[in-house]
């Protein structure tokens, strides 16, 4: 049951509860709660226990409590939450994995009918097929320019029709038609808008990043740093291997053009002085190719026809000799 008392006592109790949560938790999900009913919210609370706590309230009260907590404790990190408290929002304090909690919250969505004046969050498409309505109801379809035909005494929609576009307000005709067809096109629930973690605030899309995505982004960043460092000749850890390789090439080029030499350049000079050494890898390739060719040659020898035996005439003997 809710706290019973005067208005001032309720404010003090709410302030105490919020301050306790701020002291116990370091992770908070800021969620939009538009069109979320009390029964649905109660189900979300039960589903998130015991690692998470859902707290709703007026934005002014939440901002006031956060500000007073920061002044009393000296912890200024939670002040970053104040700019996120805009519109109909609630706070989910959690000690669990942020991604798992966000996925759990997304499960509690309830279908809702299209009410007049409501802004459509998605496109609404009426599928083709038999509606089960009698022919006297064709006026609804005619007003909305929906192609129909009468089939076995009922109205049948011929082709799919995009009835409402995302962002448009639902009209009375659209709402009445969807109600007659029994279509509940919208679903509502808590929607995570922002994530707070130990003073840092970021978008919930960050929770969907995998280790592969992080590695890919890190590698791309290192590549950009190395390219910039090489372009402006500024040494960095990312560009160091490339700089050493380029320096080695330059020193080898100087050694080849002059009589100066060093151990690492000796082998290069030997190869240039005797180009036949470049073929040192050829025997390995030859062995590989000969190894594959030997079985083929053996098969050809096996398939080769045997020479015919010499006839008696070739030996100088006749048939009657």
Protein backbone atom coordinates (compact mmCIF):
# COMPACT_ATOMS: atom_id res chain seq x y z
CA UNK A 1 0.00 0.00 0.00
CA UNK A 2 1.09 3.55 -0.62
CA UNK A 3 2.25 5.86 2.12
CA UNK A 4 -0.63 7.60 3.89
CA UNK A 5 -0.13 11.06 5.36
CA UNK A 6 -0.28 14.74 4.65
CA UNK A 7 1.03 16.22 1.41
CA UNK A 8 4.18 17.43 3.15
CA UNK A 9 4.77 14.04 4.76
CA UNK A 10 4.39 12.32 1.37
CA UNK A 11 7.01 14.64 -0.13
CA UNK A 12 9.41 13.96 2.75
CA UNK A 13 8.87 10.21 2.44
CA UNK A 14 9.45 10.34 -1.33
CA UNK A 15 12.62 12.39 -0.82
CA UNK A 16 13.90 9.89 1.74
CA UNK A 17 13.18 6.94 -0.55
CA UNK A 18 14.89 8.51 -3.57
CA UNK A 19 17.97 9.48 -1.53
CA UNK A 20 18.26 5.91 -0.23
CA UNK A 21 18.16 4.59 -3.77
CA UNK A 22 20.82 7.08 -4.87
CA UNK A 23 23.09 5.83 -2.09
CA UNK A 24 22.52 2.13 -2.82
CA UNK A 25 22.62 2.09 -6.63
CA UNK A 26 25.12 3.42 -9.19
CA UNK A 27 23.22 2.35 -12.33
CA UNK A 28 19.99 3.95 -13.50
CA UNK A 29 17.82 3.52 -16.60
CA UNK A 30 15.75 6.56 -17.56
CA UNK A 31 12.57 5.29 -19.23
CA UNK A 32 9.67 6.98 -21.03
CA UNK A 33 6.35 5.89 -19.52
CA UNK A 34 3.80 7.24 -22.00
CA UNK A 35 0.51 5.29 -22.11
CA UNK A 36 1.72 2.80 -19.47
CA UNK A 37 -1.03 1.76 -17.05
CA UNK A 38 -0.70 1.04 -13.36
CA UNK A 39 -1.36 -2.71 -13.79
CA UNK A 40 1.31 -2.94 -16.48
CA UNK A 41 3.75 -0.99 -14.31
CA UNK A 42 3.09 -3.33 -11.41
CA UNK A 43 3.97 -6.30 -13.62
CA UNK A 44 7.24 -4.63 -14.60
CA UNK A 45 8.11 -4.05 -10.94
CA UNK A 46 7.53 -7.72 -10.13
CA UNK A 47 9.55 -8.88 -13.13
CA UNK A 48 12.59 -6.77 -12.23
CA UNK A 49 12.81 -7.79 -8.58
CA UNK A 50 15.01 -8.26 -6.58
CA UNK A 51 17.93 -6.59 -8.38
CA UNK A 52 16.04 -3.55 -9.67
CA UNK A 53 13.64 -0.94 -8.33
CA UNK A 54 11.23 1.16 -10.42
CA UNK A 55 10.54 4.67 -9.16
CA UNK A 56 7.98 7.01 -10.69
CA UNK A 57 7.16 10.56 -9.67
CA UNK A 58 6.95 14.16 -10.70
CA UNK A 59 10.03 15.51 -12.43
CA UNK A 60 10.20 18.53 -10.11
CA UNK A 61 10.23 16.30 -7.03
CA UNK A 62 12.90 14.02 -8.47
CA UNK A 63 15.09 16.98 -9.46
CA UNK A 64 14.65 18.53 -6.02
CA UNK A 65 15.60 15.30 -4.23
CA UNK A 66 18.64 14.72 -6.47
CA UNK A 67 19.84 18.29 -5.92
CA UNK A 68 19.43 18.03 -2.13
CA UNK A 69 21.21 14.67 -2.07
CA UNK A 70 24.15 16.10 -4.04
CA UNK A 71 24.42 19.07 -1.67
CA UNK A 72 24.21 16.89 1.43
CA UNK A 73 26.67 14.19 0.33
CA UNK A 74 28.91 16.19 -2.00
CA UNK A 75 28.34 13.59 -4.76
CA UNK A 76 27.83 15.68 -7.88
CA UNK A 77 27.68 12.72 -10.27
CA UNK A 78 23.91 12.25 -9.97
CA UNK A 79 23.34 15.82 -11.15
CA UNK A 80 23.77 14.44 -14.68
CA UNK A 81 20.36 12.79 -14.26
CA UNK A 82 18.55 16.10 -13.90
CA UNK A 83 18.84 17.03 -17.58
CA UNK A 84 17.27 13.66 -18.51
CA UNK A 85 14.11 14.17 -16.46
CA UNK A 86 11.97 15.60 -19.25
CA UNK A 87 8.45 14.45 -20.08
CA UNK A 88 6.69 11.45 -18.59
CA UNK A 89 9.69 9.44 -17.39
CA UNK A 90 10.56 7.02 -14.62
CA UNK A 91 13.78 5.72 -13.08
CA UNK A 92 14.89 2.09 -12.82
CA UNK A 93 17.65 1.64 -10.25
CA UNK A 94 19.51 -1.63 -10.79
CA UNK A 95 22.47 -3.68 -9.63
CA UNK A 96 22.16 -6.19 -12.45
CA UNK A 97 23.50 -6.24 -15.99
CA UNK A 98 22.22 -3.16 -17.80
CA UNK A 99 21.63 -4.99 -21.08
CA UNK A 100 19.69 -7.81 -19.41
CA UNK A 101 17.55 -5.35 -17.44
CA UNK A 102 16.84 -3.36 -20.61
CA UNK A 103 15.80 -6.53 -22.45
CA UNK A 104 13.59 -7.56 -19.53
CA UNK A 105 11.83 -4.18 -19.57
CA UNK A 106 11.16 -4.50 -23.30
CA UNK A 107 9.23 -7.75 -22.71
CA UNK A 108 6.45 -5.99 -20.82
CA UNK A 109 4.57 -4.40 -23.70
CA UNK A 110 0.80 -4.42 -23.93
CA UNK A 111 -1.27 -4.06 -27.11
CA UNK A 112 -3.51 -1.02 -27.27
CA UNK A 113 -6.28 0.15 -29.62
CA UNK A 114 -5.96 3.23 -31.82
CA UNK A 115 -7.71 6.04 -29.97
CA UNK A 116 -8.86 9.26 -31.61
CA UNK A 117 -6.25 12.01 -31.42
CA UNK A 118 -3.40 9.66 -30.51
CA UNK A 119 -0.14 10.10 -32.42
CA UNK A 120 0.73 6.86 -34.21
CA UNK A 121 4.14 5.49 -33.13
CA UNK A 122 4.24 3.15 -36.16
CA UNK A 123 2.66 2.73 -39.59
CA UNK A 124 -0.69 0.93 -39.48
CA UNK A 125 -1.46 -1.38 -42.40
CA UNK A 126 -4.81 -3.12 -42.83
CA UNK A 127 -4.21 -6.56 -44.37
CA UNK A 128 -6.37 -7.97 -47.18
CA UNK A 129 -8.97 -10.63 -46.43
CA UNK A 130 -12.47 -11.21 -45.19
CA UNK A 131 -13.53 -8.74 -42.50
CA UNK A 132 -16.64 -10.57 -41.35
CA UNK A 133 -18.66 -7.34 -41.65
CA UNK A 134 -21.96 -7.22 -43.47
CA UNK A 135 -22.33 -5.12 -46.67
CA UNK A 136 -24.00 -2.28 -44.75
CA UNK A 137 -20.61 -1.42 -43.24
CA UNK A 138 -18.99 -0.52 -46.57
CA UNK A 139 -19.33 3.21 -45.78
CA UNK A 140 -16.30 3.04 -43.49
CA UNK A 141 -14.17 1.59 -46.27
CA UNK A 142 -15.41 4.08 -48.84
CA UNK A 143 -14.54 7.06 -46.64
CA UNK A 144 -10.98 5.75 -46.23
CA UNK A 145 -10.63 4.76 -49.92
CA UNK A 146 -10.11 1.09 -49.11
CA UNK A 147 -10.90 -1.20 -52.08
CA UNK A 148 -13.42 -3.89 -51.12
CA UNK A 149 -15.76 -6.43 -52.61
CA UNK A 150 -18.70 -8.44 -51.37
CA UNK A 151 -17.88 -12.10 -50.97
CA UNK A 152 -20.47 -14.56 -49.58
CA UNK A 153 -22.44 -11.80 -47.92
CA UNK A 154 -19.48 -10.14 -46.16
CA UNK A 155 -17.08 -7.32 -46.96
CA UNK A 156 -13.65 -8.43 -48.13
CA UNK A 157 -10.61 -6.13 -48.42
CA UNK A 158 -8.97 -6.64 -51.80
CA UNK A 159 -5.44 -5.28 -51.18
CA UNK A 160 -3.36 -4.16 -48.17
CA UNK A 161 -3.87 -0.49 -47.29
CA UNK A 162 -1.60 1.77 -45.23
CA UNK A 163 -4.27 3.33 -43.07
CA UNK A 164 -2.19 5.52 -40.74
CA UNK A 165 1.34 6.83 -41.21
CA UNK A 166 3.83 7.09 -38.36
CA UNK A 167 3.60 10.47 -36.63
CA UNK A 168 0.05 11.18 -37.80
CA UNK A 169 -2.90 11.60 -35.45
CA UNK A 170 -5.54 8.90 -35.45
CA UNK A 171 -8.85 10.15 -36.88
CA UNK A 172 -12.32 9.08 -35.83
CA UNK A 173 -12.92 7.05 -39.02
CA UNK A 174 -9.62 5.19 -38.70
CA UNK A 175 -10.23 4.45 -35.02
CA UNK A 176 -13.77 3.20 -35.70
CA UNK A 177 -12.66 0.94 -38.55
CA UNK A 178 -9.79 -0.60 -36.57
CA UNK A 179 -12.15 -1.17 -33.66
CA UNK A 180 -14.68 -2.96 -35.91
CA UNK A 181 -11.89 -5.12 -37.36
CA UNK A 182 -10.59 -5.93 -33.88
CA UNK A 183 -7.10 -4.63 -34.70
CA UNK A 184 -4.97 -3.31 -31.81
CA UNK A 185 -2.07 -1.85 -33.79
CA UNK A 186 -0.08 -0.17 -31.04
CA UNK A 187 1.88 -1.58 -28.11
CA UNK A 188 3.11 0.41 -25.14
CA UNK A 189 5.59 -0.14 -22.35
CA UNK A 190 8.57 1.46 -20.66
CA UNK A 191 11.09 2.60 -23.28
CA UNK A 192 14.69 3.10 -22.17
CA UNK A 193 15.81 6.56 -23.29
CA UNK A 194 19.12 7.01 -21.47
CA UNK A 195 21.50 5.01 -19.33
CA UNK A 196 23.36 6.32 -16.28
CA UNK A 197 26.35 4.36 -15.01
CA UNK A 198 28.65 5.75 -12.30
CA UNK A 199 28.33 9.35 -13.48
CA UNK A 200 28.42 8.57 -17.20
CA UNK A 201 25.34 9.05 -19.37
CA UNK A 202 24.99 7.33 -22.74
CA UNK A 203 22.44 6.09 -25.26
CA UNK A 204 20.83 2.64 -24.77
CA UNK A 205 22.14 1.62 -28.22
CA UNK A 206 25.55 1.26 -26.57
CA UNK A 207 24.22 -1.74 -24.64
CA UNK A 208 23.72 -3.62 -27.93
CA UNK A 209 27.39 -3.41 -28.87
CA UNK A 210 29.23 -6.74 -28.89
CA UNK A 211 32.92 -7.44 -28.31
CA UNK A 212 33.39 -7.79 -32.07
CA UNK A 213 31.90 -4.31 -32.61
CA UNK A 214 34.22 -2.81 -29.98
CA UNK A 215 37.26 -4.51 -31.48
CA UNK A 216 36.31 -3.31 -34.95
CA UNK A 217 35.82 0.29 -33.78
CA UNK A 218 39.06 0.21 -31.78
CA UNK A 219 41.00 -1.12 -34.77
CA UNK A 220 39.52 1.60 -36.99
CA UNK A 221 40.54 4.24 -34.44
CA UNK A 222 44.09 2.88 -34.21
CA UNK A 223 44.31 2.89 -38.00
CA UNK A 224 43.19 6.55 -38.14
CA UNK A 225 45.71 7.54 -35.45
CA UNK A 226 48.51 5.75 -37.31
CA UNK A 227 47.58 7.40 -40.62
CA UNK A 228 47.47 10.86 -39.03
CA UNK A 229 50.76 10.31 -37.23
CA UNK A 230 52.48 9.19 -40.43
CA UNK A 231 50.99 12.13 -42.33
CA UNK A 232 52.33 14.76 -39.93
CA UNK A 233 55.48 12.79 -38.93
CA UNK A 234 54.45 12.73 -35.28
CA UNK A 235 55.53 9.58 -33.41
CA UNK A 236 52.81 7.62 -31.61
CA UNK A 237 52.55 4.06 -30.37
CA UNK A 238 50.16 3.18 -33.22
CA UNK A 239 52.49 4.55 -35.90
CA UNK A 240 55.77 3.29 -34.38
CA UNK A 241 55.89 -0.05 -36.30
CA UNK A 242 55.29 1.73 -39.61
CA UNK A 243 57.88 4.41 -38.81
CA UNK A 244 60.51 1.79 -37.93
CA UNK A 245 59.77 -0.11 -41.15
CA UNK A 246 60.03 3.06 -43.26
CA UNK A 247 63.25 4.07 -41.48
CA UNK A 248 64.73 0.63 -42.14
CA UNK A 249 63.89 0.91 -45.84
CA UNK A 250 65.53 4.33 -46.02
CA UNK A 251 68.70 3.13 -44.27
CA UNK A 252 68.93 0.09 -46.53
CA UNK A 253 68.52 2.35 -49.57
CA UNK A 254 71.41 4.55 -48.33
CA UNK A 255 73.55 1.45 -47.72
CA UNK A 256 72.91 0.20 -51.26
CA UNK A 257 73.76 3.57 -52.79
CA UNK A 258 76.97 3.96 -50.77
CA UNK A 259 79.72 1.74 -49.44
CA UNK A 260 78.30 1.96 -45.95
CA UNK A 261 76.89 -1.31 -44.66
CA UNK A 262 75.45 -2.94 -41.57
CA UNK A 263 74.46 -6.53 -40.78
CA UNK A 264 70.80 -6.15 -41.74
CA UNK A 265 71.78 -4.78 -45.16
CA UNK A 266 74.33 -7.48 -45.99
CA UNK A 267 71.75 -10.03 -47.09
CA UNK A 268 70.03 -7.48 -49.31
CA UNK A 269 73.36 -6.67 -50.96
CA UNK A 270 74.11 -10.36 -51.48
CA UNK A 271 70.77 -10.89 -53.23
CA UNK A 272 71.32 -7.87 -55.47
CA UNK A 273 74.90 -8.92 -56.26
CA UNK A 274 73.83 -12.45 -57.14
CA UNK A 275 70.26 -12.45 -58.52
CA UNK A 276 70.34 -16.25 -58.72
CA UNK A 277 69.78 -16.32 -54.98
CA UNK A 278 66.29 -15.02 -55.58
CA UNK A 279 65.55 -18.49 -56.92
CA UNK A 280 66.35 -20.07 -53.55
CA UNK A 281 62.66 -20.49 -52.93
CA UNK A 282 62.18 -22.10 -56.36
CA UNK A 283 63.26 -25.63 -55.30
CA UNK A 284 60.60 -25.65 -52.62
CA UNK A 285 57.98 -24.72 -55.18
CA UNK A 286 59.44 -27.20 -57.60
CA UNK A 287 59.25 -29.98 -55.01
CA UNK A 288 55.63 -29.16 -54.38
CA UNK A 289 54.82 -29.15 -58.09
CA UNK A 290 56.85 -32.30 -58.79
CA UNK A 291 55.24 -34.02 -55.86
CA UNK A 292 51.82 -33.37 -57.34
CA UNK A 293 52.99 -34.24 -60.85
CA UNK A 294 54.63 -37.55 -59.91
CA UNK A 295 51.38 -39.40 -59.20
CA UNK A 296 49.95 -38.12 -62.45
CA UNK A 297 52.99 -39.35 -64.35
CA UNK A 298 52.75 -42.70 -62.61
CA UNK A 299 49.13 -43.01 -63.61
CA UNK A 300 49.99 -42.18 -67.20
CA UNK A 301 52.68 -44.87 -67.22
CA UNK A 302 50.18 -47.36 -65.86
CA UNK A 303 47.69 -46.41 -68.55
CA UNK A 304 50.30 -46.53 -71.38
CA UNK A 305 49.66 -49.59 -73.66
CA UNK A 306 52.24 -52.39 -73.56
CA UNK A 307 54.32 -52.85 -76.78
CA UNK A 308 53.06 -55.65 -79.03
CA UNK A 309 55.11 -58.87 -79.16
CA UNK A 310 57.30 -59.27 -82.24
CA UNK A 311 55.93 -61.60 -84.85
CA UNK A 312 57.77 -64.62 -86.19
CA UNK A 313 58.38 -62.82 -89.45
CA UNK A 314 60.42 -60.23 -87.66
CA UNK A 315 62.67 -63.01 -86.30
CA UNK A 316 63.44 -64.25 -89.82
CA UNK A 317 61.33 -67.40 -89.61
CA UNK A 318 58.43 -68.29 -91.79
CA UNK A 319 55.39 -70.19 -90.80
CA UNK A 320 56.64 -73.48 -92.37
CA UNK A 321 60.36 -73.10 -91.63
